[in-house]
Amino acid sequence: MIGYLRDYANAITALACLCAVVALFLTLNGKIELGVAAMLWTWFLDHWDGHVARKTIALRRPGAAKFGKSFDGFVDLIHGVVFPAVIIMLVGQGTPLSLLASMLLTLAGTIRLSYFENVGLTADARFTGIPVSYDTPLLAILLLARPQIVDDVFPTVVSLAFVILALLHVTTAIRVPAIRGTGVPIATGFAIAGSAALVMISQPGVQR
């Protein structure tokens, strides 16, 4: 089984998985901004594994692609569904709305991932509905905007944002282009800049 990680794309997915564990560790130890910063690395690595897989398709061992598809799906579940749900619960501090948002996101996210596993992209390389990979960047944007939002209102903003996103995950009325080609380094730049900004605001005295 470990031999599948000798595949370049699968090795990147493994690195993304480790970053996700670091993100959960930081978050569950009260360092939410640092946790989201680490999860942004999982997010951009999730794009690179697909990019590398397409570029090295002729070099991949038999079965590596099939293994990689499932492996990538499990990492997507962590960074696109489980992690945002945990953040919503922690930020919401036990409110009914945060529970509702977490439930809707988890249900919609798993439905969406199952749909993609069986149907895949459309003929023109688009996702049906908003992919769960948009969840972590949204968390980053919300946390970066947090100093401009009233403290008592912020948990509600987060919960409502993800209630809406959960519905968009399972809609069939939206087609979203896959991040490919030049989109991959752009996403990487956003992730690196976003993670650096989150590290900065996590420092004592920076947040209000």
N, C-alpha and C. Protein backbone atom coordinates (compact mmCIF):
# COMPACT_ATOMS: atom_id res chain seq x y z
N MET A 1 0.82 -1.21 0.00
CA MET A 1 0.00 0.00 0.00
C MET A 1 0.86 1.27 0.00
N ILE A 2 1.90 1.27 0.84
CA ILE A 2 2.77 2.44 0.92
C ILE A 2 3.43 2.71 -0.43
N GLY A 3 3.59 1.65 -1.22
CA GLY A 3 4.23 1.80 -2.51
C GLY A 3 3.51 2.78 -3.43
N TYR A 4 2.20 2.97 -3.22
CA TYR A 4 1.46 3.93 -4.05
C TYR A 4 1.95 5.36 -3.85
N LEU A 5 2.61 5.61 -2.72
CA LEU A 5 3.10 6.96 -2.45
C LEU A 5 4.37 7.28 -3.21
N ARG A 6 4.93 6.29 -3.91
CA ARG A 6 6.07 6.59 -4.79
C ARG A 6 5.63 7.35 -6.03
N ASP A 7 4.34 7.32 -6.27
CA ASP A 7 3.74 8.12 -7.35
C ASP A 7 3.79 9.59 -6.95
N TYR A 8 4.26 10.46 -7.85
CA TYR A 8 4.44 11.87 -7.50
C TYR A 8 3.14 12.52 -7.01
N ALA A 9 2.07 12.31 -7.74
CA ALA A 9 0.80 12.94 -7.37
C ALA A 9 0.31 12.44 -6.01
N ASN A 10 0.42 11.15 -5.78
CA ASN A 10 -0.03 10.58 -4.51
C ASN A 10 0.85 11.05 -3.35
N ALA A 11 2.13 11.27 -3.62
CA ALA A 11 3.03 11.79 -2.59
C ALA A 11 2.61 13.20 -2.18
N ILE A 12 2.17 14.00 -3.14
CA ILE A 12 1.69 15.35 -2.84
C ILE A 12 0.42 15.27 -2.01
N THR A 13 -0.46 14.34 -2.35
CA THR A 13 -1.68 14.16 -1.58
C THR A 13 -1.36 13.76 -0.14
N ALA A 14 -0.34 12.92 0.03
CA ALA A 14 0.08 12.51 1.38
C ALA A 14 0.57 13.72 2.17
N LEU A 15 1.33 14.59 1.52
CA LEU A 15 1.80 15.81 2.18
C LEU A 15 0.62 16.70 2.56
N ALA A 16 -0.36 16.79 1.67
CA ALA A 16 -1.57 17.57 1.97
C ALA A 16 -2.30 16.99 3.18
N CYS A 17 -2.33 15.67 3.29
CA CYS A 17 -2.98 15.01 4.42
C CYS A 17 -2.28 15.36 5.73
N LEU A 18 -0.94 15.39 5.72
CA LEU A 18 -0.17 15.73 6.92
C LEU A 18 -0.42 17.18 7.32
N CYS A 19 -0.49 18.07 6.33
CA CYS A 19 -0.80 19.48 6.62
C CYS A 19 -2.17 19.61 7.26
N ALA A 20 -3.12 18.78 6.82
CA ALA A 20 -4.47 18.81 7.38
C ALA A 20 -4.46 18.41 8.85
N VAL A 21 -3.63 17.42 9.20
CA VAL A 21 -3.52 16.99 10.60
C VAL A 21 -2.93 18.12 11.45
N VAL A 22 -1.91 18.78 10.92
CA VAL A 22 -1.32 19.93 11.63
C VAL A 22 -2.38 21.01 11.84
N ALA A 23 -3.19 21.26 10.81
CA ALA A 23 -4.23 22.28 10.90
C ALA A 23 -5.24 21.93 11.99
N LEU A 24 -5.67 20.68 12.04
CA LEU A 24 -6.62 20.25 13.07
C LEU A 24 -5.99 20.35 14.46
N PHE A 25 -4.73 19.97 14.57
CA PHE A 25 -4.02 20.04 15.85
C PHE A 25 -3.99 21.47 16.37
N LEU A 26 -3.60 22.40 15.52
CA LEU A 26 -3.52 23.81 15.91
C LEU A 26 -4.89 24.35 16.29
N THR A 27 -5.89 24.02 15.48
CA THR A 27 -7.24 24.53 15.72
C THR A 27 -7.81 24.02 17.03
N LEU A 28 -7.67 22.73 17.27
CA LEU A 28 -8.24 22.14 18.49
C LEU A 28 -7.47 22.53 19.74
N ASN A 29 -6.30 23.15 19.55
CA ASN A 29 -5.54 23.68 20.68
C ASN A 29 -5.69 25.20 20.78
N GLY A 30 -6.76 25.72 20.19
CA GLY A 30 -7.12 27.11 20.37
C GLY A 30 -6.46 28.09 19.44
N LYS A 31 -5.74 27.62 18.43
CA LYS A 31 -5.05 28.50 17.50
C LYS A 31 -5.73 28.43 16.14
N ILE A 32 -6.93 29.02 16.07
CA ILE A 32 -7.77 28.87 14.88
C ILE A 32 -7.12 29.50 13.65
N GLU A 33 -6.57 30.71 13.79
CA GLU A 33 -5.96 31.37 12.63
C GLU A 33 -4.79 30.55 12.09
N LEU A 34 -3.98 30.02 12.98
CA LEU A 34 -2.84 29.19 12.54
C LEU A 34 -3.34 27.89 11.91
N GLY A 35 -4.43 27.35 12.44
CA GLY A 35 -5.00 26.14 11.87
C GLY A 35 -5.48 26.35 10.45
N VAL A 36 -6.17 27.46 10.21
CA VAL A 36 -6.66 27.75 8.86
C VAL A 36 -5.47 28.04 7.94
N ALA A 37 -4.44 28.70 8.48
CA ALA A 37 -3.23 28.96 7.68
C ALA A 37 -2.61 27.65 7.20
N ALA A 38 -2.54 26.66 8.09
CA ALA A 38 -1.98 25.36 7.71
C ALA A 38 -2.89 24.64 6.72
N MET A 39 -4.22 24.79 6.90
CA MET A 39 -5.14 24.11 5.99
C MET A 39 -5.11 24.72 4.61
N LEU A 40 -4.73 25.98 4.50
CA LEU A 40 -4.57 26.57 3.16
C LEU A 40 -3.49 25.86 2.37
N TRP A 41 -2.50 25.32 3.06
CA TRP A 41 -1.46 24.55 2.37
C TRP A 41 -2.02 23.23 1.86
N THR A 42 -2.86 22.60 2.66
CA THR A 42 -3.56 21.40 2.17
C THR A 42 -4.37 21.76 0.93
N TRP A 43 -5.03 22.92 0.97
CA TRP A 43 -5.88 23.37 -0.13
C TRP A 43 -5.10 23.52 -1.43
N PHE A 44 -3.96 24.22 -1.39
CA PHE A 44 -3.25 24.41 -2.66
C PHE A 44 -2.54 23.13 -3.10
N LEU A 45 -2.09 22.31 -2.16
CA LEU A 45 -1.50 21.02 -2.54
C LEU A 45 -2.54 20.12 -3.19
N ASP A 46 -3.80 20.29 -2.80
CA ASP A 46 -4.88 19.52 -3.40
C ASP A 46 -5.02 19.83 -4.89
N HIS A 47 -4.68 21.05 -5.28
CA HIS A 47 -4.69 21.40 -6.70
C HIS A 47 -3.44 20.88 -7.41
N TRP A 48 -2.32 20.91 -6.70
CA TRP A 48 -1.08 20.46 -7.33
C TRP A 48 -1.07 18.95 -7.60
N ASP A 49 -1.71 18.16 -6.73
CA ASP A 49 -1.67 16.72 -6.98
C ASP A 49 -2.39 16.37 -8.28
N GLY A 50 -3.51 17.05 -8.55
CA GLY A 50 -4.20 16.81 -9.81
C GLY A 50 -3.41 17.31 -11.00
N HIS A 51 -2.76 18.47 -10.83
CA HIS A 51 -1.93 19.03 -11.90
C HIS A 51 -0.79 18.08 -12.25
N VAL A 52 -0.11 17.59 -11.23
CA VAL A 52 1.01 16.66 -11.45
C VAL A 52 0.51 15.34 -12.04
N ALA A 53 -0.65 14.88 -11.57
CA ALA A 53 -1.21 13.62 -12.10
C ALA A 53 -1.45 13.72 -13.60
N ARG A 54 -1.97 14.88 -14.04
CA ARG A 54 -2.23 15.06 -15.47
C ARG A 54 -0.93 15.16 -16.27
N LYS A 55 0.08 15.77 -15.69
CA LYS A 55 1.36 15.95 -16.38
C LYS A 55 2.18 14.66 -16.44
N THR A 56 1.96 13.75 -15.49
CA THR A 56 2.78 12.52 -15.43
C THR A 56 1.95 11.28 -15.74
N ILE A 57 0.84 11.46 -16.43
CA ILE A 57 -0.08 10.34 -16.66
C ILE A 57 0.61 9.15 -17.35
N ALA A 58 1.55 9.45 -18.25
CA ALA A 58 2.23 8.37 -18.97
C ALA A 58 3.22 7.62 -18.10
N LEU A 59 3.61 8.19 -16.96
CA LEU A 59 4.62 7.59 -16.09
C LEU A 59 4.02 6.87 -14.90
N ARG A 60 2.73 6.99 -14.70
CA ARG A 60 2.10 6.46 -13.49
C ARG A 60 1.96 4.93 -13.57
N ARG A 61 2.23 4.29 -12.46
CA ARG A 61 2.11 2.83 -12.37
C ARG A 61 0.66 2.41 -12.45
N PRO A 62 0.38 1.18 -12.90
CA PRO A 62 -1.00 0.69 -12.94
C PRO A 62 -1.63 0.76 -11.55
N GLY A 63 -2.80 1.29 -11.49
CA GLY A 63 -3.52 1.38 -10.21
C GLY A 63 -3.24 2.65 -9.43
N ALA A 64 -2.18 3.38 -9.78
CA ALA A 64 -1.83 4.58 -9.01
C ALA A 64 -2.91 5.65 -9.15
N ALA A 65 -3.46 5.79 -10.34
CA ALA A 65 -4.49 6.80 -10.56
C ALA A 65 -5.77 6.47 -9.80
N LYS A 66 -6.16 5.21 -9.82
CA LYS A 66 -7.38 4.80 -9.11
C LYS A 66 -7.21 4.99 -7.60
N PHE A 67 -6.04 4.60 -7.08
CA PHE A 67 -5.75 4.80 -5.67
C PHE A 67 -5.76 6.30 -5.34
N GLY A 68 -5.12 7.09 -6.21
CA GLY A 68 -5.01 8.53 -5.98
C GLY A 68 -6.36 9.21 -5.94
N LYS A 69 -7.29 8.76 -6.74
CA LYS A 69 -8.63 9.37 -6.77
C LYS A 69 -9.32 9.20 -5.42
N SER A 70 -9.24 7.99 -4.86
CA SER A 70 -9.86 7.74 -3.56
C SER A 70 -9.11 8.46 -2.45
N PHE A 71 -7.78 8.41 -2.52
CA PHE A 71 -6.93 9.07 -1.52
C PHE A 71 -7.23 10.56 -1.47
N ASP A 72 -7.30 11.16 -2.63
CA ASP A 72 -7.60 12.59 -2.73
C ASP A 72 -8.99 12.91 -2.17
N GLY A 73 -9.94 12.01 -2.41
CA GLY A 73 -11.29 12.22 -1.91
C GLY A 73 -11.36 12.26 -0.39
N PHE A 74 -10.57 11.41 0.27
CA PHE A 74 -10.55 11.41 1.73
C PHE A 74 -9.94 12.70 2.27
N VAL A 75 -8.90 13.19 1.62
CA VAL A 75 -8.30 14.46 2.04
C VAL A 75 -9.28 15.61 1.81
N ASP A 76 -10.02 15.55 0.70
CA ASP A 76 -11.05 16.56 0.43
C ASP A 76 -12.09 16.58 1.55
N LEU A 77 -12.44 15.39 2.05
CA LEU A 77 -13.43 15.30 3.12
C LEU A 77 -12.92 16.02 4.37
N ILE A 78 -11.62 15.88 4.65
CA ILE A 78 -11.06 16.52 5.83
C ILE A 78 -11.02 18.04 5.68
N HIS A 79 -10.40 18.51 4.59
CA HIS A 79 -10.20 19.96 4.49
C HIS A 79 -11.41 20.71 3.99
N GLY A 80 -12.33 20.03 3.29
CA GLY A 80 -13.48 20.73 2.74
C GLY A 80 -14.76 20.55 3.52
N VAL A 81 -14.79 19.57 4.43
CA VAL A 81 -16.03 19.28 5.16
C VAL A 81 -15.80 19.25 6.67
N VAL A 82 -14.96 18.32 7.12
CA VAL A 82 -14.76 18.14 8.57
C VAL A 82 -14.14 19.38 9.20
N PHE A 83 -13.08 19.89 8.60
CA PHE A 83 -12.38 21.03 9.18
C PHE A 83 -13.27 22.28 9.29
N PRO A 84 -13.96 22.68 8.21
CA PRO A 84 -14.84 23.85 8.35
C PRO A 84 -15.94 23.64 9.39
N ALA A 85 -16.47 22.40 9.48
CA ALA A 85 -17.50 22.13 10.48
C ALA A 85 -16.95 22.31 11.89
N VAL A 86 -15.72 21.88 12.11
CA VAL A 86 -15.08 22.06 13.43
C VAL A 86 -14.92 23.54 13.74
N ILE A 87 -14.47 24.32 12.75
CA ILE A 87 -14.29 25.76 12.95
C ILE A 87 -15.62 26.42 13.30
N ILE A 88 -16.68 26.05 12.59
CA ILE A 88 -18.00 26.62 12.85
C ILE A 88 -18.42 26.33 14.29
N MET A 89 -18.20 25.09 14.75
CA MET A 89 -18.57 24.72 16.12
C MET A 89 -17.77 25.51 17.15
N LEU A 90 -16.47 25.66 16.91
CA LEU A 90 -15.62 26.36 17.86
C LEU A 90 -15.96 27.86 17.91
N VAL A 91 -16.11 28.45 16.74
CA VAL A 91 -16.42 29.88 16.69
C VAL A 91 -17.83 30.14 17.23
N GLY A 92 -18.77 29.25 16.90
CA GLY A 92 -20.16 29.43 17.32
C GLY A 92 -20.41 29.22 18.79
N GLN A 93 -19.48 28.49 19.47
CA GLN A 93 -19.58 28.28 20.92
C GLN A 93 -20.93 27.71 21.36
N GLY A 94 -21.39 26.74 20.60
CA GLY A 94 -22.57 26.00 21.04
C GLY A 94 -23.92 26.58 20.69
N THR A 95 -23.97 27.56 19.79
CA THR A 95 -25.27 28.12 19.42
C THR A 95 -26.03 27.15 18.52
N PRO A 96 -27.34 27.17 18.55
CA PRO A 96 -28.13 26.32 17.65
C PRO A 96 -27.81 26.57 16.18
N LEU A 97 -27.55 27.83 15.82
CA LEU A 97 -27.24 28.15 14.43
C LEU A 97 -25.93 27.51 13.99
N SER A 98 -24.95 27.47 14.87
CA SER A 98 -23.67 26.84 14.51
C SER A 98 -23.84 25.34 14.34
N LEU A 99 -24.70 24.73 15.14
CA LEU A 99 -24.99 23.30 14.98
C LEU A 99 -25.67 23.05 13.65
N LEU A 100 -26.67 23.89 13.33
CA LEU A 100 -27.38 23.74 12.06
C LEU A 100 -26.42 23.90 10.88
N ALA A 101 -25.57 24.92 10.94
CA ALA A 101 -24.62 25.16 9.85
C ALA A 101 -23.67 23.98 9.69
N SER A 102 -23.19 23.43 10.80
CA SER A 102 -22.27 22.29 10.75
C SER A 102 -22.95 21.06 10.17
N MET A 103 -24.19 20.84 10.57
CA MET A 103 -24.94 19.69 10.06
C MET A 103 -25.19 19.81 8.56
N LEU A 104 -25.64 20.99 8.13
CA LEU A 104 -25.92 21.19 6.71
C LEU A 104 -24.65 21.06 5.88
N LEU A 105 -23.56 21.65 6.38
CA LEU A 105 -22.30 21.59 5.63
C LEU A 105 -21.80 20.15 5.52
N THR A 106 -21.87 19.41 6.61
CA THR A 106 -21.40 18.02 6.59
C THR A 106 -22.23 17.16 5.65
N LEU A 107 -23.54 17.31 5.72
CA LEU A 107 -24.41 16.54 4.83
C LEU A 107 -24.20 16.93 3.38
N ALA A 108 -24.22 18.23 3.11
CA ALA A 108 -24.06 18.70 1.72
C ALA A 108 -22.69 18.35 1.18
N GLY A 109 -21.66 18.48 2.02
CA GLY A 109 -20.30 18.19 1.57
C GLY A 109 -20.10 16.73 1.22
N THR A 110 -20.63 15.83 2.04
CA THR A 110 -20.47 14.40 1.75
C THR A 110 -21.30 13.99 0.53
N ILE A 111 -22.49 14.59 0.38
CA ILE A 111 -23.29 14.32 -0.83
C ILE A 111 -22.53 14.77 -2.06
N ARG A 112 -21.95 15.97 -1.98
CA ARG A 112 -21.22 16.53 -3.12
C ARG A 112 -20.01 15.70 -3.50
N LEU A 113 -19.26 15.26 -2.49
CA LEU A 113 -18.07 14.44 -2.76
C LEU A 113 -18.47 13.09 -3.35
N SER A 114 -19.56 12.52 -2.86
CA SER A 114 -20.04 11.24 -3.40
C SER A 114 -20.49 11.41 -4.84
N TYR A 115 -21.17 12.51 -5.11
CA TYR A 115 -21.61 12.80 -6.48
C TYR A 115 -20.41 12.93 -7.42
N PHE A 116 -19.41 13.68 -6.98
CA PHE A 116 -18.23 13.88 -7.83
C PHE A 116 -17.47 12.57 -8.05
N GLU A 117 -17.41 11.75 -7.00
CA GLU A 117 -16.71 10.45 -7.11
C GLU A 117 -17.34 9.60 -8.21
N ASN A 118 -18.65 9.69 -8.37
CA ASN A 118 -19.35 8.85 -9.35
C ASN A 118 -19.59 9.51 -10.69
N VAL A 119 -19.71 10.84 -10.72
CA VAL A 119 -20.04 11.54 -11.96
C VAL A 119 -18.85 12.29 -12.53
N GLY A 120 -18.06 12.92 -11.66
CA GLY A 120 -16.89 13.67 -12.11
C GLY A 120 -17.26 15.03 -12.69
N LEU A 121 -16.33 15.59 -13.47
CA LEU A 121 -16.54 16.89 -14.08
C LEU A 121 -17.49 16.78 -15.27
N THR A 122 -18.04 17.92 -15.67
CA THR A 122 -18.84 17.96 -16.88
C THR A 122 -17.92 17.83 -18.10
N ALA A 123 -18.50 17.72 -19.27
CA ALA A 123 -17.71 17.54 -20.48
C ALA A 123 -16.75 18.70 -20.74
N ASP A 124 -17.09 19.90 -20.24
CA ASP A 124 -16.22 21.05 -20.44
C ASP A 124 -15.37 21.36 -19.19
N ALA A 125 -15.09 20.32 -18.41
CA ALA A 125 -14.20 20.40 -17.24
C ALA A 125 -14.70 21.40 -16.20
N ARG A 126 -15.99 21.29 -15.86
CA ARG A 126 -16.57 22.14 -14.82
C ARG A 126 -17.20 21.28 -13.74
N PHE A 127 -17.23 21.84 -12.53
CA PHE A 127 -17.91 21.18 -11.42
C PHE A 127 -19.39 21.55 -11.46
N THR A 128 -20.23 20.61 -11.08
CA THR A 128 -21.64 20.90 -10.87
C THR A 128 -21.80 21.34 -9.42
N GLY A 129 -22.21 22.61 -9.20
CA GLY A 129 -22.26 23.15 -7.85
C GLY A 129 -20.88 23.64 -7.42
N ILE A 130 -20.84 24.29 -6.26
CA ILE A 130 -19.59 24.81 -5.73
C ILE A 130 -18.82 23.68 -5.07
N PRO A 131 -17.58 23.42 -5.47
CA PRO A 131 -16.81 22.33 -4.85
C PRO A 131 -16.46 22.64 -3.39
N VAL A 132 -16.26 21.59 -2.59
CA VAL A 132 -15.95 21.79 -1.17
C VAL A 132 -14.58 22.43 -0.97
N SER A 133 -13.75 22.45 -2.00
CA SER A 133 -12.43 23.06 -1.89
C SER A 133 -12.52 24.58 -1.70
N TYR A 134 -13.71 25.16 -1.86
CA TYR A 134 -13.87 26.59 -1.65
C TYR A 134 -14.08 26.93 -0.17
N ASP A 135 -14.27 25.91 0.68
CA ASP A 135 -14.61 26.16 2.08
C ASP A 135 -13.44 26.75 2.88
N THR A 136 -12.25 26.19 2.71
CA THR A 136 -11.10 26.70 3.46
C THR A 136 -10.73 28.12 3.06
N PRO A 137 -10.69 28.47 1.76
CA PRO A 137 -10.45 29.87 1.42
C PRO A 137 -11.48 30.82 2.01
N LEU A 138 -12.76 30.38 2.07
CA LEU A 138 -13.78 31.23 2.68
C LEU A 138 -13.49 31.43 4.16
N LEU A 139 -13.06 30.38 4.85
CA LEU A 139 -12.69 30.52 6.26
C LEU A 139 -11.57 31.54 6.42
N ALA A 140 -10.58 31.46 5.54
CA ALA A 140 -9.45 32.40 5.61
C ALA A 140 -9.93 33.83 5.44
N ILE A 141 -10.79 34.06 4.46
CA ILE A 141 -11.29 35.42 4.19
C ILE A 141 -12.10 35.93 5.39
N LEU A 142 -12.93 35.08 5.97
CA LEU A 142 -13.73 35.49 7.12
C LEU A 142 -12.86 35.84 8.32
N LEU A 143 -11.83 35.04 8.55
CA LEU A 143 -10.94 35.31 9.69
C LEU A 143 -10.12 36.57 9.47
N LEU A 144 -9.70 36.81 8.24
CA LEU A 144 -8.95 38.03 7.94
C LEU A 144 -9.84 39.27 8.09
N ALA A 145 -11.13 39.10 7.84
CA ALA A 145 -12.07 40.22 7.99
C ALA A 145 -12.58 40.37 9.42
N ARG A 146 -12.27 39.42 10.26
CA ARG A 146 -12.81 39.42 11.63
C ARG A 146 -12.56 40.71 12.41
N PRO A 147 -11.38 41.34 12.30
CA PRO A 147 -11.17 42.59 13.06
C PRO A 147 -12.14 43.70 12.70
N GLN A 148 -12.78 43.59 11.52
CA GLN A 148 -13.71 44.62 11.08
C GLN A 148 -15.16 44.28 11.44
N ILE A 149 -15.36 43.13 12.09
CA ILE A 149 -16.71 42.67 12.41
C ILE A 149 -16.90 42.67 13.93
N VAL A 150 -18.06 43.11 14.37
CA VAL A 150 -18.37 43.12 15.80
C VAL A 150 -18.24 41.70 16.35
N ASP A 151 -17.58 41.57 17.50
CA ASP A 151 -17.30 40.25 18.06
C ASP A 151 -18.55 39.39 18.23
N ASP A 152 -19.63 39.98 18.72
CA ASP A 152 -20.85 39.21 18.97
C ASP A 152 -21.54 38.76 17.68
N VAL A 153 -21.23 39.45 16.59
CA VAL A 153 -21.87 39.15 15.31
C VAL A 153 -21.08 38.12 14.50
N PHE A 154 -19.78 38.05 14.73
CA PHE A 154 -18.92 37.20 13.90
C PHE A 154 -19.37 35.73 13.86
N PRO A 155 -19.70 35.09 14.98
CA PRO A 155 -20.15 33.69 14.90
C PRO A 155 -21.37 33.51 14.00
N THR A 156 -22.29 34.47 14.04
CA THR A 156 -23.48 34.39 13.18
C THR A 156 -23.11 34.53 11.72
N VAL A 157 -22.19 35.46 11.43
CA VAL A 157 -21.73 35.65 10.05
C VAL A 157 -21.12 34.37 9.50
N VAL A 158 -20.28 33.72 10.31
CA VAL A 158 -19.63 32.47 9.87
C VAL A 158 -20.67 31.39 9.61
N SER A 159 -21.59 31.21 10.54
CA SER A 159 -22.61 30.16 10.39
C SER A 159 -23.48 30.40 9.16
N LEU A 160 -23.95 31.63 8.99
CA LEU A 160 -24.81 31.94 7.85
C LEU A 160 -24.07 31.78 6.53
N ALA A 161 -22.80 32.17 6.51
CA ALA A 161 -22.01 32.03 5.28
C ALA A 161 -21.92 30.57 4.86
N PHE A 162 -21.78 29.68 5.84
CA PHE A 162 -21.65 28.26 5.49
C PHE A 162 -22.98 27.56 5.28
N VAL A 163 -24.06 28.11 5.82
CA VAL A 163 -25.39 27.61 5.46
C VAL A 163 -25.62 27.85 3.97
N ILE A 164 -25.28 29.06 3.53
CA ILE A 164 -25.44 29.40 2.11
C ILE A 164 -24.53 28.54 1.25
N LEU A 165 -23.26 28.39 1.68
CA LEU A 165 -22.32 27.60 0.89
C LEU A 165 -22.73 26.14 0.83
N ALA A 166 -23.28 25.62 1.91
CA ALA A 166 -23.76 24.23 1.91
C ALA A 166 -24.81 24.02 0.83
N LEU A 167 -25.73 24.98 0.71
CA LEU A 167 -26.76 24.88 -0.33
C LEU A 167 -26.15 24.96 -1.72
N LEU A 168 -25.12 25.80 -1.88
CA LEU A 168 -24.46 25.94 -3.18
C LEU A 168 -23.65 24.69 -3.53
N HIS A 169 -23.23 23.94 -2.52
CA HIS A 169 -22.49 22.69 -2.80
C HIS A 169 -23.33 21.69 -3.57
N VAL A 170 -24.62 21.68 -3.30
CA VAL A 170 -25.47 20.63 -3.88
C VAL A 170 -26.41 21.16 -4.97
N THR A 171 -26.26 22.42 -5.35
CA THR A 171 -27.10 22.93 -6.43
C THR A 171 -26.61 22.40 -7.77
N THR A 172 -27.54 22.22 -8.69
CA THR A 172 -27.18 21.81 -10.05
C THR A 172 -27.28 22.97 -11.03
N ALA A 173 -27.56 24.16 -10.48
CA ALA A 173 -27.77 25.32 -11.34
C ALA A 173 -26.48 26.09 -11.62
N ILE A 174 -25.40 25.70 -10.94
CA ILE A 174 -24.13 26.42 -11.08
C ILE A 174 -23.08 25.48 -11.65
N ARG A 175 -22.29 25.99 -12.58
CA ARG A 175 -21.16 25.25 -13.13
C ARG A 175 -19.89 26.05 -12.84
N VAL A 176 -18.95 25.44 -12.15
CA VAL A 176 -17.72 26.13 -11.73
C VAL A 176 -16.52 25.52 -12.45
N PRO A 177 -15.72 26.33 -13.13
CA PRO A 177 -14.54 25.78 -13.82
C PRO A 177 -13.55 25.17 -12.83
N ALA A 178 -12.97 24.05 -13.20
CA ALA A 178 -11.93 23.45 -12.36
C ALA A 178 -10.68 24.33 -12.39
N ILE A 179 -9.97 24.39 -11.27
CA ILE A 179 -8.73 25.17 -11.20
C ILE A 179 -7.62 24.34 -11.84
N ARG A 180 -7.24 24.76 -13.03
CA ARG A 180 -6.21 24.04 -13.79
C ARG A 180 -5.30 25.05 -14.47
N GLY A 181 -4.18 24.56 -15.02
CA GLY A 181 -3.27 25.41 -15.77
C GLY A 181 -2.75 26.56 -14.93
N THR A 182 -2.92 27.78 -15.42
CA THR A 182 -2.43 28.95 -14.70
C THR A 182 -3.20 29.18 -13.40
N GLY A 183 -4.36 28.57 -13.27
CA GLY A 183 -5.13 28.71 -12.04
C GLY A 183 -4.43 28.08 -10.84
N VAL A 184 -3.60 27.07 -11.08
CA VAL A 184 -2.91 26.37 -9.98
C VAL A 184 -1.90 27.28 -9.29
N PRO A 185 -0.96 27.93 -10.02
CA PRO A 185 -0.05 28.84 -9.34
C PRO A 185 -0.76 30.06 -8.74
N ILE A 186 -1.86 30.50 -9.33
CA ILE A 186 -2.62 31.61 -8.75
C ILE A 186 -3.20 31.19 -7.40
N ALA A 187 -3.77 29.98 -7.35
CA ALA A 187 -4.30 29.46 -6.08
C ALA A 187 -3.19 29.30 -5.05
N THR A 188 -2.02 28.88 -5.52
CA THR A 188 -0.87 28.72 -4.62
C THR A 188 -0.46 30.06 -4.03
N GLY A 189 -0.41 31.09 -4.88
CA GLY A 189 -0.06 32.43 -4.41
C GLY A 189 -1.06 32.93 -3.37
N PHE A 190 -2.35 32.71 -3.64
CA PHE A 190 -3.39 33.12 -2.68
C PHE A 190 -3.21 32.40 -1.36
N ALA A 191 -2.93 31.10 -1.42
CA ALA A 191 -2.79 30.30 -0.20
C ALA A 191 -1.59 30.75 0.62
N ILE A 192 -0.47 31.01 -0.04
CA ILE A 192 0.73 31.43 0.68
C ILE A 192 0.53 32.81 1.30
N ALA A 193 -0.03 33.74 0.51
CA ALA A 193 -0.28 35.09 1.03
C ALA A 193 -1.31 35.05 2.17
N GLY A 194 -2.37 34.26 1.97
CA GLY A 194 -3.40 34.15 3.00
C GLY A 194 -2.88 33.54 4.28
N SER A 195 -2.08 32.48 4.17
CA SER A 195 -1.54 31.84 5.36
C SER A 195 -0.59 32.78 6.11
N ALA A 196 0.22 33.56 5.35
CA ALA A 196 1.13 34.51 5.97
C ALA A 196 0.34 35.59 6.73
N ALA A 197 -0.75 36.07 6.12
CA ALA A 197 -1.58 37.09 6.76
C ALA A 197 -2.24 36.54 8.02
N LEU A 198 -2.69 35.29 7.98
CA LEU A 198 -3.31 34.68 9.16
C LEU A 198 -2.31 34.50 10.29
N VAL A 199 -1.08 34.14 9.94
CA VAL A 199 -0.03 34.03 10.96
C VAL A 199 0.20 35.39 11.62
N MET A 200 0.20 36.44 10.82
CA MET A 200 0.43 37.79 11.35
C MET A 200 -0.68 38.21 12.31
N ILE A 201 -1.95 37.97 11.94
CA ILE A 201 -3.03 38.42 12.82
C ILE A 201 -3.18 37.53 14.05
N SER A 202 -2.54 36.35 14.02
CA SER A 202 -2.62 35.46 15.18
C SER A 202 -1.67 35.90 16.29
N GLN A 203 -0.77 36.83 15.97
CA GLN A 203 0.20 37.27 16.97
C GLN A 203 -0.47 38.14 18.03
N PRO A 204 -0.04 38.00 19.29
CA PRO A 204 -0.64 38.81 20.38
C PRO A 204 -0.54 40.31 20.07
N GLY A 205 -1.64 41.01 20.30
CA GLY A 205 -1.65 42.45 20.09
C GLY A 205 -2.09 42.88 18.72
N VAL A 206 -2.18 41.91 17.78
CA VAL A 206 -2.60 42.28 16.42
C VAL A 206 -4.11 42.31 16.32
N GLN A 207 -4.77 41.29 16.91
CA GLN A 207 -6.23 41.26 16.88
C GLN A 207 -6.79 42.25 17.90
N ARG A 208 -8.00 42.71 17.64
CA ARG A 208 -8.59 43.63 18.60
C ARG A 208 -9.32 42.84 19.69
